PDB file of N, CA and C in Angstrom:
ATOM      1  N   MET A   1     234.950   0.980 184.840  1.00  0.00           N
ATOM      2  CA  MET A   1     234.335   1.688 183.624  1.00  0.00           C
ATOM      3  C   MET A   1     234.655   0.831 182.310  1.00  0.00           C
ATOM      4  N   LYS A   2     235.327  -0.363 182.671  1.00  0.00           N
ATOM      5  CA  LYS A   2     235.699  -1.201 181.456  1.00  0.00           C
ATOM      6  C   LYS A   2     234.432  -1.575 180.748  1.00  0.00           C
ATOM      7  N   GLY A   3     234.526  -1.696 179.659  1.00  0.00           N
ATOM      8  CA  GLY A   3     233.396  -1.980 178.770  1.00  0.00           C
ATOM      9  C   GLY A   3     232.375  -1.033 178.503  1.00  0.00           C
ATOM     10  N   THR A   4     232.492   0.254 178.795  1.00  0.00           N
ATOM     11  CA  THR A   4     231.496   1.177 178.414  1.00  0.00           C
ATOM     12  C   THR A   4     231.914   2.006 177.413  1.00  0.00           C
ATOM     13  N   SER A   5     230.915   2.567 176.935  1.00  0.00           N
ATOM     14  CA  SER A   5     231.259   3.718 175.814  1.00  0.00           C
ATOM     15  C   SER A   5     230.919   5.002 176.071  1.00  0.00           C
ATOM     16  N   VAL A   6     230.076   5.305 177.045  1.00  0.00           N
ATOM     17  CA  VAL A   6     229.746   6.578 177.637  1.00  0.00           C
ATOM     18  C   VAL A   6     229.733   6.649 179.150  1.00  0.00           C
ATOM     19  N   THR A   7     230.277   7.706 179.591  1.00  0.00           N
ATOM     20  CA  THR A   7     230.210   8.085 181.010  1.00  0.00           C
ATOM     21  C   THR A   7     229.320   9.219 181.375  1.00  0.00           C
ATOM     22  N   ALA A   8     228.476   8.717 182.319  1.00  0.00           N
ATOM     23  CA  ALA A   8     227.391   9.837 182.844  1.00  0.00           C
ATOM     24  C   ALA A   8     227.944  10.398 184.215  1.00  0.00           C
ATOM     25  N   VAL A   9     227.965  11.699 183.958  1.00  0.00           N
ATOM     26  CA  VAL A   9     228.477  12.460 185.151  1.00  0.00           C
ATOM     27  C   VAL A   9     227.226  13.072 185.839  1.00  0.00           C
ATOM     28  N   LEU A  10     227.010  12.545 186.987  1.00  0.00           N
ATOM     29  CA  LEU A  10     225.871  13.046 187.895  1.00  0.00           C
ATOM     30  C   LEU A  10     226.384  14.376 188.564  1.00  0.00           C
ATOM     31  N   ILE A  11     225.777  15.423 188.309  1.00  0.00           N
ATOM     32  CA  ILE A  11     226.176  16.703 188.914  1.00  0.00           C
ATOM     33  C   ILE A  11     225.348  17.235 189.818  1.00  0.00           C
ATOM     34  N   GLY A  12     225.862  17.157 191.148  1.00  0.00           N
ATOM     35  CA  GLY A  12     225.220  17.957 192.329  1.00  0.00           C
ATOM     36  C   GLY A  12     226.171  19.029 192.826  1.00  0.00           C
ATOM     37  N   GLN A  13     225.835  19.453 194.052  1.00  0.00           N
ATOM     38  CA  GLN A  13     226.412  20.533 194.589  1.00  0.00           C
ATOM     39  C   GLN A  13     227.932  20.308 194.860  1.00  0.00           C
ATOM     40  N   GLU A  14     228.428  19.106 195.219  1.00  0.00           N
ATOM     41  CA  GLU A  14     229.804  19.035 195.431  1.00  0.00           C
ATOM     42  C   GLU A  14     230.676  18.415 194.274  1.00  0.00           C
ATOM     43  N   THR A  15     230.170  17.973 193.193  1.00  0.00           N
ATOM     44  CA  THR A  15     230.647  17.254 192.099  1.00  0.00           C
ATOM     45  C   THR A  15     231.971  17.970 191.696  1.00  0.00           C
ATOM     46  N   TYR A  16     231.886  19.329 191.528  1.00  0.00           N
ATOM     47  CA  TYR A  16     232.794  20.013 190.830  1.00  0.00           C
ATOM     48  C   TYR A  16     234.219  20.042 191.503  1.00  0.00           C
ATOM     49  N   ASP A  17     234.183  19.966 192.728  1.00  0.00           N
ATOM     50  CA  ASP A  17     235.414  19.949 193.543  1.00  0.00           C
ATOM     51  C   ASP A  17     236.049  18.525 193.862  1.00  0.00           C
ATOM     52  N   ARG A  18     235.481  17.508 193.287  1.00  0.00           N
ATOM     53  CA  ARG A  18     235.862  16.173 193.590  1.00  0.00           C
ATOM     54  C   ARG A  18     237.108  15.721 192.735  1.00  0.00           C
ATOM     55  N   ASP A  19     238.184  15.542 193.344  1.00  0.00           N
ATOM     56  CA  ASP A  19     239.205  15.022 192.618  1.00  0.00           C
ATOM     57  C   ASP A  19     239.099  13.833 191.676  1.00  0.00           C
ATOM     58  N   TRP A  20     238.529  12.962 192.340  1.00  0.00           N
ATOM     59  CA  TRP A  20     238.067  11.701 191.607  1.00  0.00           C
ATOM     60  C   TRP A  20     237.283  11.733 190.308  1.00  0.00           C
ATOM     61  N   VAL A  21     236.273  12.646 190.540  1.00  0.00           N
ATOM     62  CA  VAL A  21     235.293  12.927 189.513  1.00  0.00           C
ATOM     63  C   VAL A  21     236.153  13.545 188.182  1.00  0.00           C
ATOM     64  N   GLU A  22     236.971  14.463 188.445  1.00  0.00           N
ATOM     65  CA  GLU A  22     237.901  15.091 187.186  1.00  0.00           C
ATOM     66  C   GLU A  22     238.709  13.767 186.782  1.00  0.00           C
ATOM     67  N   TYR A  23     239.288  13.004 187.592  1.00  0.00           N
ATOM     68  CA  TYR A  23     240.206  11.946 187.158  1.00  0.00           C
ATOM     69  C   TYR A  23     239.317  10.936 186.219  1.00  0.00           C
ATOM     70  N   GLU A  24     238.205  10.624 186.665  1.00  0.00           N
ATOM     71  CA  GLU A  24     237.367   9.556 185.921  1.00  0.00           C
ATOM     72  C   GLU A  24     236.914  10.233 184.623  1.00  0.00           C
ATOM     73  N   ILE A  25     236.537  11.554 184.400  1.00  0.00           N
ATOM     74  CA  ILE A  25     236.122  12.293 183.287  1.00  0.00           C
ATOM     75  C   ILE A  25     237.263  12.254 182.257  1.00  0.00           C
ATOM     76  N   LYS A  26     238.403  12.536 182.689  1.00  0.00           N
ATOM     77  CA  LYS A  26     239.589  12.516 181.866  1.00  0.00           C
ATOM     78  C   LYS A  26     240.047  11.228 181.437  1.00  0.00           C
ATOM     79  N   LYS A  27     239.997  10.196 182.442  1.00  0.00           N
ATOM     80  CA  LYS A  27     240.282   8.795 182.017  1.00  0.00           C
ATOM     81  C   LYS A  27     239.304   8.291 180.940  1.00  0.00           C
ATOM     82  N   SER A  28     237.981   8.674 181.027  1.00  0.00           N
ATOM     83  CA  SER A  28     236.763   8.415 180.041  1.00  0.00           C
ATOM     84  C   SER A  28     237.162   8.860 178.779  1.00  0.00           C
ATOM     85  N   TRP A  29     237.676  10.095 178.538  1.00  0.00           N
ATOM     86  CA  TRP A  29     238.010  10.726 177.427  1.00  0.00           C
ATOM     87  C   TRP A  29     239.332   9.881 176.892  1.00  0.00           C
ATOM     88  N   ARG A  30     240.250   9.656 177.587  1.00  0.00           N
ATOM     89  CA  ARG A  30     241.383   8.987 177.056  1.00  0.00           C
ATOM     90  C   ARG A  30     240.951   7.631 176.480  1.00  0.00           C
ATOM     91  N   ASP A  31     239.980   7.054 177.282  1.00  0.00           N
ATOM     92  CA  ASP A  31     239.654   5.760 176.819  1.00  0.00           C
ATOM     93  C   ASP A  31     238.660   5.668 175.610  1.00  0.00           C
ATOM     94  N   GLY A  32     238.368   6.852 175.109  1.00  0.00           N
ATOM     95  CA  GLY A  32     237.367   7.104 173.887  1.00  0.00           C
ATOM     96  C   GLY A  32     235.920   7.067 174.238  1.00  0.00           C
ATOM     97  N   ASN A  33     235.478   7.167 175.539  1.00  0.00           N
ATOM     98  CA  ASN A  33     234.153   7.392 175.946  1.00  0.00           C
ATOM     99  C   ASN A  33     233.617   8.600 175.540  1.00  0.00           C
ATOM    100  N   GLY A  34     232.292   8.602 175.398  1.00  0.00           N
ATOM    101  CA  GLY A  34     231.437   9.765 175.267  1.00  0.00           C
ATOM    102  C   GLY A  34     231.185  10.198 176.757  1.00  0.00           C
ATOM    103  N   ILE A  35     230.665  11.313 176.852  1.00  0.00           N
ATOM    104  CA  ILE A  35     230.444  11.938 178.273  1.00  0.00           C
ATOM    105  C   ILE A  35     229.050  12.623 178.252  1.00  0.00           C
ATOM    106  N   VAL A  36     228.331  12.541 179.122  1.00  0.00           N
ATOM    107  CA  VAL A  36     227.043  13.134 179.374  1.00  0.00           C
ATOM    108  C   VAL A  36     226.961  13.797 180.732  1.00  0.00           C
ATOM    109  N   GLY A  37     226.648  15.171 180.944  1.00  0.00           N
ATOM    110  CA  GLY A  37     226.461  15.626 182.064  1.00  0.00           C
ATOM    111  C   GLY A  37     225.062  15.458 182.678  1.00  0.00           C
ATOM    112  N   ILE A  38     224.822  15.171 183.783  1.00  0.00           N
ATOM    113  CA  ILE A  38     223.291  15.221 184.256  1.00  0.00           C
ATOM    114  C   ILE A  38     223.153  15.917 185.643  1.00  0.00           C
ATOM    115  N   ARG A  39     222.532  17.005 185.538  1.00  0.00           N
ATOM    116  CA  ARG A  39     222.159  17.641 186.908  1.00  0.00           C
ATOM    117  C   ARG A  39     221.203  17.074 187.631  1.00  0.00           C
ATOM    118  N   ILE A  40     221.647  16.748 188.858  1.00  0.00           N
ATOM    119  CA  ILE A  40     220.616  16.048 189.686  1.00  0.00           C
ATOM    120  C   ILE A  40     220.196  16.658 191.016  1.00  0.00           C
ATOM    121  N   HIS A  41     220.303  18.155 191.071  1.00  0.00           N
ATOM    122  CA  HIS A  41     220.105  18.943 192.212  1.00  0.00           C
ATOM    123  C   HIS A  41     218.713  18.984 192.596  1.00  0.00           C
ATOM    124  N   ASN A  42     217.752  18.718 191.734  1.00  0.00           N
ATOM    125  CA  ASN A  42     216.384  18.955 192.110  1.00  0.00           C
ATOM    126  C   ASN A  42     215.630  17.428 192.582  1.00  0.00           C
ATOM    127  N   LEU A  43     216.458  16.457 192.482  1.00  0.00           N
ATOM    128  CA  LEU A  43     215.938  15.186 192.814  1.00  0.00           C
ATOM    129  C   LEU A  43     216.030  15.036 194.515  1.00  0.00           C
ATOM    130  N   GLU A  44     214.844  14.547 194.856  1.00  0.00           N
ATOM    131  CA  GLU A  44     214.759  14.301 196.500  1.00  0.00           C
ATOM    132  C   GLU A  44     215.425  12.951 196.827  1.00  0.00           C
ATOM    133  N   ASP A  45     216.088  13.094 197.874  1.00  0.00           N
ATOM    134  CA  ASP A  45     216.703  11.848 198.535  1.00  0.00           C
ATOM    135  C   ASP A  45     215.615  11.084 199.390  1.00  0.00           C
ATOM    136  N   LYS A  46     215.952  10.162 200.099  1.00  0.00           N
ATOM    137  CA  LYS A  46     214.922   9.303 200.831  1.00  0.00           C
ATOM    138  C   LYS A  46     214.235   9.995 201.800  1.00  0.00           C
ATOM    139  N   SER A  47     214.709  11.093 202.311  1.00  0.00           N
ATOM    140  CA  SER A  47     214.130  11.914 203.390  1.00  0.00           C
ATOM    141  C   SER A  47     213.391  13.066 202.791  1.00  0.00           C
ATOM    142  N   GLY A  48     213.455  13.181 201.411  1.00  0.00           N
ATOM    143  CA  GLY A  48     212.667  14.365 200.735  1.00  0.00           C
ATOM    144  C   GLY A  48     213.477  15.753 200.595  1.00  0.00           C
ATOM    145  N   TYR A  49     214.648  15.579 200.898  1.00  0.00           N
ATOM    146  CA  TYR A  49     215.722  16.739 200.718  1.00  0.00           C
ATOM    147  C   TYR A  49     216.355  16.807 199.440  1.00  0.00           C
ATOM    148  N   THR A  50     216.457  17.948 198.878  1.00  0.00           N
ATOM    149  CA  THR A  50     217.214  18.109 197.633  1.00  0.00           C
ATOM    150  C   THR A  50     218.587  18.965 197.678  1.00  0.00           C
ATOM    151  N   ASP A  51     219.384  18.743 196.842  1.00  0.00           N
ATOM    152  CA  ASP A  51     220.704  19.370 196.799  1.00  0.00           C
ATOM    153  C   ASP A  51     220.582  20.734 196.071  1.00  0.00           C
ATOM    154  N   SER A  52     221.637  21.501 196.468  1.00  0.00           N
ATOM    155  CA  SER A  52     221.787  22.884 195.637  1.00  0.00           C
ATOM    156  C   SER A  52     222.291  22.531 194.241  1.00  0.00           C
ATOM    157  N   ARG A  53     222.144  23.312 193.302  1.00  0.00           N
ATOM    158  CA  ARG A  53     222.882  23.242 192.121  1.00  0.00           C
ATOM    159  C   ARG A  53     224.300  23.519 192.242  1.00  0.00           C
ATOM    160  N   GLY A  54     225.022  22.811 191.619  1.00  0.00           N
ATOM    161  CA  GLY A  54     226.564  22.903 191.710  1.00  0.00           C
ATOM    162  C   GLY A  54     227.127  23.194 190.321  1.00  0.00           C
ATOM    163  N   LYS A  55     228.453  23.582 190.395  1.00  0.00           N
ATOM    164  CA  LYS A  55     229.158  23.998 189.068  1.00  0.00           C
ATOM    165  C   LYS A  55     229.280  22.639 188.318  1.00  0.00           C
ATOM    166  N   ASN A  56     229.347  22.841 186.972  1.00  0.00           N
ATOM    167  CA  ASN A  56     229.618  21.834 186.052  1.00  0.00           C
ATOM    168  C   ASN A  56     231.034  21.443 186.043  1.00  0.00           C
ATOM    169  N   PRO A  57     231.526  20.166 186.476  1.00  0.00           N
ATOM    170  CA  PRO A  57     232.901  19.882 186.223  1.00  0.00           C
ATOM    171  C   PRO A  57     233.352  19.796 184.779  1.00  0.00           C
ATOM    172  N   LEU A  58     232.430  19.649 183.903  1.00  0.00           N
ATOM    173  CA  LEU A  58     232.714  19.691 182.430  1.00  0.00           C
ATOM    174  C   LEU A  58     233.358  20.971 181.956  1.00  0.00           C
ATOM    175  N   SER A  59     233.026  22.066 182.802  1.00  0.00           N
ATOM    176  CA  SER A  59     233.385  23.365 182.374  1.00  0.00           C
ATOM    177  C   SER A  59     234.843  23.646 182.699  1.00  0.00           C
ATOM    178  N   LYS A  60     235.597  22.863 183.379  1.00  0.00           N
ATOM    179  CA  LYS A  60     236.967  22.996 183.816  1.00  0.00           C
ATOM    180  C   LYS A  60     237.931  22.181 183.056  1.00  0.00           C
ATOM    181  N   ILE A  61     237.397  21.182 182.504  1.00  0.00           N
ATOM    182  CA  ILE A  61     238.220  20.279 181.784  1.00  0.00           C
ATOM    183  C   ILE A  61     238.248  20.409 180.386  1.00  0.00           C
ATOM    184  N   TYR A  62     239.460  20.421 179.614  1.00  0.00           N
ATOM    185  CA  TYR A  62     239.432  20.801 178.507  1.00  0.00           C
ATOM    186  C   TYR A  62     240.472  19.778 177.642  1.00  0.00           C
ATOM    187  N   ILE A  63     240.617  20.018 176.311  1.00  0.00           N
ATOM    188  CA  ILE A  63     241.542  19.452 175.455  1.00  0.00           C
ATOM    189  C   ILE A  63     242.088  20.600 174.564  1.00  0.00           C
ATOM    190  N   GLU A  64     243.403  20.535 174.233  1.00  0.00           N
ATOM    191  CA  GLU A  64     243.911  21.505 173.216  1.00  0.00           C
ATOM    192  C   GLU A  64     244.007  20.978 171.901  1.00  0.00           C
ATOM    193  N   GLU A  65     243.400  21.843 170.889  1.00  0.00           N
ATOM    194  CA  GLU A  65     243.418  21.444 169.520  1.00  0.00           C
ATOM    195  C   GLU A  65     243.888  22.665 168.796  1.00  0.00           C
ATOM    196  N   ASN A  66     244.909  22.712 168.098  1.00  0.00           N
ATOM    197  CA  ASN A  66     245.395  23.716 167.197  1.00  0.00           C
ATOM    198  C   ASN A  66     245.811  24.812 168.167  1.00  0.00           C
ATOM    199  N   GLY A  67     246.311  24.730 169.479  1.00  0.00           N
ATOM    200  CA  GLY A  67     246.728  25.585 170.416  1.00  0.00           C
ATOM    201  C   GLY A  67     245.371  26.394 171.051  1.00  0.00           C
ATOM    202  N   GLN A  68     244.299  25.755 170.958  1.00  0.00           N
ATOM    203  CA  GLN A  68     243.103  26.464 171.403  1.00  0.00           C
ATOM    204  C   GLN A  68     242.561  25.407 172.387  1.00  0.00           C
ATOM    205  N   LYS A  69     242.012  25.879 173.496  1.00  0.00           N
ATOM    206  CA  LYS A  69     241.273  25.173 174.631  1.00  0.00           C
ATOM    207  C   LYS A  69     239.918  24.774 174.147  1.00  0.00           C
ATOM    208  N   LYS A  70     239.333  23.525 174.238  1.00  0.00           N
ATOM    209  CA  LYS A  70     238.159  23.145 173.895  1.00  0.00           C
ATOM    210  C   LYS A  70     237.609  22.435 175.176  1.00  0.00           C
ATOM    211  N   PHE A  71     236.809  23.223 175.984  1.00  0.00           N
ATOM    212  CA  PHE A  71     236.191  22.680 177.185  1.00  0.00           C
ATOM    213  C   PHE A  71     235.130  21.777 176.802  1.00  0.00           C
ATOM    214  N   PHE A  72     235.205  20.578 177.800  1.00  0.00           N
ATOM    215  CA  PHE A  72     234.338  19.592 177.714  1.00  0.00           C
ATOM    216  C   PHE A  72     232.717  20.034 177.857  1.00  0.00           C
ATOM    217  N   ASP A  73     232.404  21.005 178.410  1.00  0.00           N
ATOM    218  CA  ASP A  73     231.051  21.484 178.392  1.00  0.00           C
ATOM    219  C   ASP A  73     230.601  22.068 176.938  1.00  0.00           C
ATOM    220  N   ASP A  74     231.576  22.432 176.233  1.00  0.00           N
ATOM    221  CA  ASP A  74     231.252  22.873 174.824  1.00  0.00           C
ATOM    222  C   ASP A  74     231.214  21.531 173.800  1.00  0.00           C
ATOM    223  N   ILE A  75     231.771  20.603 174.270  1.00  0.00           N
ATOM    224  CA  ILE A  75     231.856  19.273 173.353  1.00  0.00           C
ATOM    225  C   ILE A  75     230.591  18.432 173.668  1.00  0.00           C
ATOM    226  N   PHE A  76     230.476  18.194 174.996  1.00  0.00           N
ATOM    227  CA  PHE A  76     229.354  17.238 175.377  1.00  0.00           C
ATOM    228  C   PHE A  76     228.054  18.120 175.982  1.00  0.00           C
ATOM    229  N   SER A  77     227.188  17.411 176.052  1.00  0.00           N
ATOM    230  CA  SER A  77     225.834  18.094 176.482  1.00  0.00           C
ATOM    231  C   SER A  77     225.634  17.922 178.029  1.00  0.00           C
ATOM    232  N   THR A  78     224.985  18.840 178.797  1.00  0.00           N
ATOM    233  CA  THR A  78     224.605  18.543 180.031  1.00  0.00           C
ATOM    234  C   THR A  78     223.084  18.796 180.181  1.00  0.00           C
ATOM    235  N   TYR A  79     222.517  17.930 180.755  1.00  0.00           N
ATOM    236  CA  TYR A  79     221.156  18.015 180.861  1.00  0.00           C
ATOM    237  C   TYR A  79     220.486  18.115 182.429  1.00  0.00           C
ATOM    238  N   ARG A  80     219.492  18.569 182.720  1.00  0.00           N
ATOM    239  CA  ARG A  80     218.741  18.614 184.044  1.00  0.00           C
ATOM    240  C   ARG A  80     217.783  17.469 183.916  1.00  0.00           C
ATOM    241  N   TRP A  81     217.930  16.494 185.030  1.00  0.00           N
ATOM    242  CA  TRP A  81     217.165  15.210 184.997  1.00  0.00           C
ATOM    243  C   TRP A  81     215.787  15.494 185.045  1.00  0.00           C
ATOM    244  N   LYS A  82     215.321  16.441 185.894  1.00  0.00           N
ATOM    245  CA  LYS A  82     213.802  16.616 186.003  1.00  0.00           C
ATOM    246  C   LYS A  82     213.434  17.357 184.755  1.00  0.00           C
ATOM    247  N   ARG A  83     213.926  18.677 184.533  1.00  0.00           N
ATOM    248  CA  ARG A  83     213.514  19.549 183.628  1.00  0.00           C
ATOM    249  C   ARG A  83     213.449  19.097 182.263  1.00  0.00           C
ATOM    250  N   ASP A  84     214.489  18.114 181.879  1.00  0.00           N
ATOM    251  CA  ASP A  84     214.683  17.639 180.587  1.00  0.00           C
ATOM    252  C   ASP A  84     214.189  16.259 180.561  1.00  0.00           C
ATOM    253  N   SER A  85     213.277  15.646 181.605  1.00  0.00           N
ATOM    254  CA  SER A  85     212.716  14.475 181.490  1.00  0.00           C
ATOM    255  C   SER A  85     213.591  13.304 181.240  1.00  0.00           C
ATOM    256  N   GLY A  86     214.630  13.168 182.221  1.00  0.00           N
ATOM    257  CA  GLY A  86     215.680  12.211 182.050  1.00  0.00           C
ATOM    258  C   GLY A  86     215.400  10.831 181.914  1.00  0.00           C
ATOM    259  N   TYR A  87     214.157  10.449 182.809  1.00  0.00           N
ATOM    260  CA  TYR A  87     213.569   9.268 182.846  1.00  0.00           C
ATOM    261  C   TYR A  87     213.191   8.719 181.427  1.00  0.00           C
ATOM    262  N   ASP A  88     212.680   9.655 180.545  1.00  0.00           N
ATOM    263  CA  ASP A  88     212.304   9.384 179.066  1.00  0.00           C
ATOM    264  C   ASP A  88     213.432   9.508 178.129  1.00  0.00           C
ATOM    265  N   ASN A  89     214.381  10.352 178.408  1.00  0.00           N
ATOM    266  CA  ASN A  89     215.251  10.697 177.332  1.00  0.00           C
ATOM    267  C   ASN A  89     216.735  10.328 177.620  1.00  0.00           C
ATOM    268  N   LEU A  90     217.015   9.450 178.735  1.00  0.00           N
ATOM    269  CA  LEU A  90     218.505   9.151 179.036  1.00  0.00           C
ATOM    270  C   LEU A  90     219.167   8.477 177.760  1.00  0.00           C
ATOM    271  N   GLY A  91     218.383   7.500 177.237  1.00  0.00           N
ATOM    272  CA  GLY A  91     218.755   6.677 176.107  1.00  0.00           C
ATOM    273  C   GLY A  91     219.305   7.643 175.085  1.00  0.00           C
ATOM    274  N   ASP A  92     218.423   8.604 174.685  1.00  0.00           N
ATOM    275  CA  ASP A  92     218.925   9.640 173.744  1.00  0.00           C
ATOM    276  C   ASP A  92     220.249  10.341 173.964  1.00  0.00           C
ATOM    277  N   TRP A  93     220.357  10.608 175.161  1.00  0.00           N
ATOM    278  CA  TRP A  93     221.349  11.505 175.752  1.00  0.00           C
ATOM    279  C   TRP A  93     222.723  10.604 175.557  1.00  0.00           C
ATOM    280  N   VAL A  94     222.598   9.478 175.893  1.00  0.00           N
ATOM    281  CA  VAL A  94     223.852   8.511 176.036  1.00  0.00           C
ATOM    282  C   VAL A  94     224.122   8.202 174.451  1.00  0.00           C
ATOM    283  N   GLU A  95     223.089   8.033 173.515  1.00  0.00           N
ATOM    284  CA  GLU A  95     223.345   7.880 172.004  1.00  0.00           C
ATOM    285  C   GLU A  95     224.100   9.062 171.542  1.00  0.00           C
ATOM    286  N   GLU A  96     223.635  10.256 171.962  1.00  0.00           N
ATOM    287  CA  GLU A  96     224.328  11.356 171.458  1.00  0.00           C
ATOM    288  C   GLU A  96     225.722  11.649 172.009  1.00  0.00           C
ATOM    289  N   ALA A  97     226.004  11.281 173.015  1.00  0.00           N
ATOM    290  CA  ALA A  97     227.641  11.395 173.781  1.00  0.00           C
ATOM    291  C   ALA A  97     228.396  10.301 172.940  1.00  0.00           C
ATOM    292  N   ALA A  98     227.897   9.088 172.616  1.00  0.00           N
ATOM    293  CA  ALA A  98     228.560   8.137 171.980  1.00  0.00           C
ATOM    294  C   ALA A  98     228.809   8.636 170.435  1.00  0.00           C
ATOM    295  N   GLN A  99     227.873   9.268 169.801  1.00  0.00           N
ATOM    296  CA  GLN A  99     228.137   9.660 168.564  1.00  0.00           C
ATOM    297  C   GLN A  99     229.168  10.643 168.493  1.00  0.00           C
ATOM    298  N   ILE A 100     229.094  11.607 169.528  1.00  0.00           N
ATOM    299  CA  ILE A 100     230.229  12.650 169.636  1.00  0.00           C
ATOM    300  C   ILE A 100     231.504  12.036 169.774  1.00  0.00           C
ATOM    301  N   ALA A 101     231.743  10.967 170.477  1.00  0.00           N
ATOM    302  CA  ALA A 101     232.926  10.280 170.726  1.00  0.00           C
ATOM    303  C   ALA A 101     233.360   9.461 169.518  1.00  0.00           C
ATOM    304  N   GLY A 102     232.405   9.257 168.602  1.00  0.00           N
ATOM    305  CA  GLY A 102     232.833   8.314 167.390  1.00  0.00           C
ATOM    306  C   GLY A 102     232.560   6.936 167.668  1.00  0.00           C
ATOM    307  N   ARG A 103     231.627   6.647 168.629  1.00  0.00           N
ATOM    308  CA  ARG A 103     231.386   5.242 168.985  1.00  0.00           C
ATOM    309  C   ARG A 103     230.048   4.814 168.315  1.00  0.00           C
TER     310      ARG A 103
END
């Protein structure tokens, strides 16, 4: 993730419970990256199957400010790739996340 300014978290059925996902999100924040969540549960794999919607890992990660918890899903946006036209809007999502992070 060296040289990046935004980390895109692809959210499927099992993403929430993956330790490495949580680690990389926290590391990205420490490194000053913006973060954008992208739900991919409606995308078909090469066999035509789709995944079930999973929990958003940004909803369990937080920072503390003035003794209050601020969860990442309240700081950064999460989009649905298909419903929110990810192909057309990914650049805008990344730019928004970068601006939130001050980049």
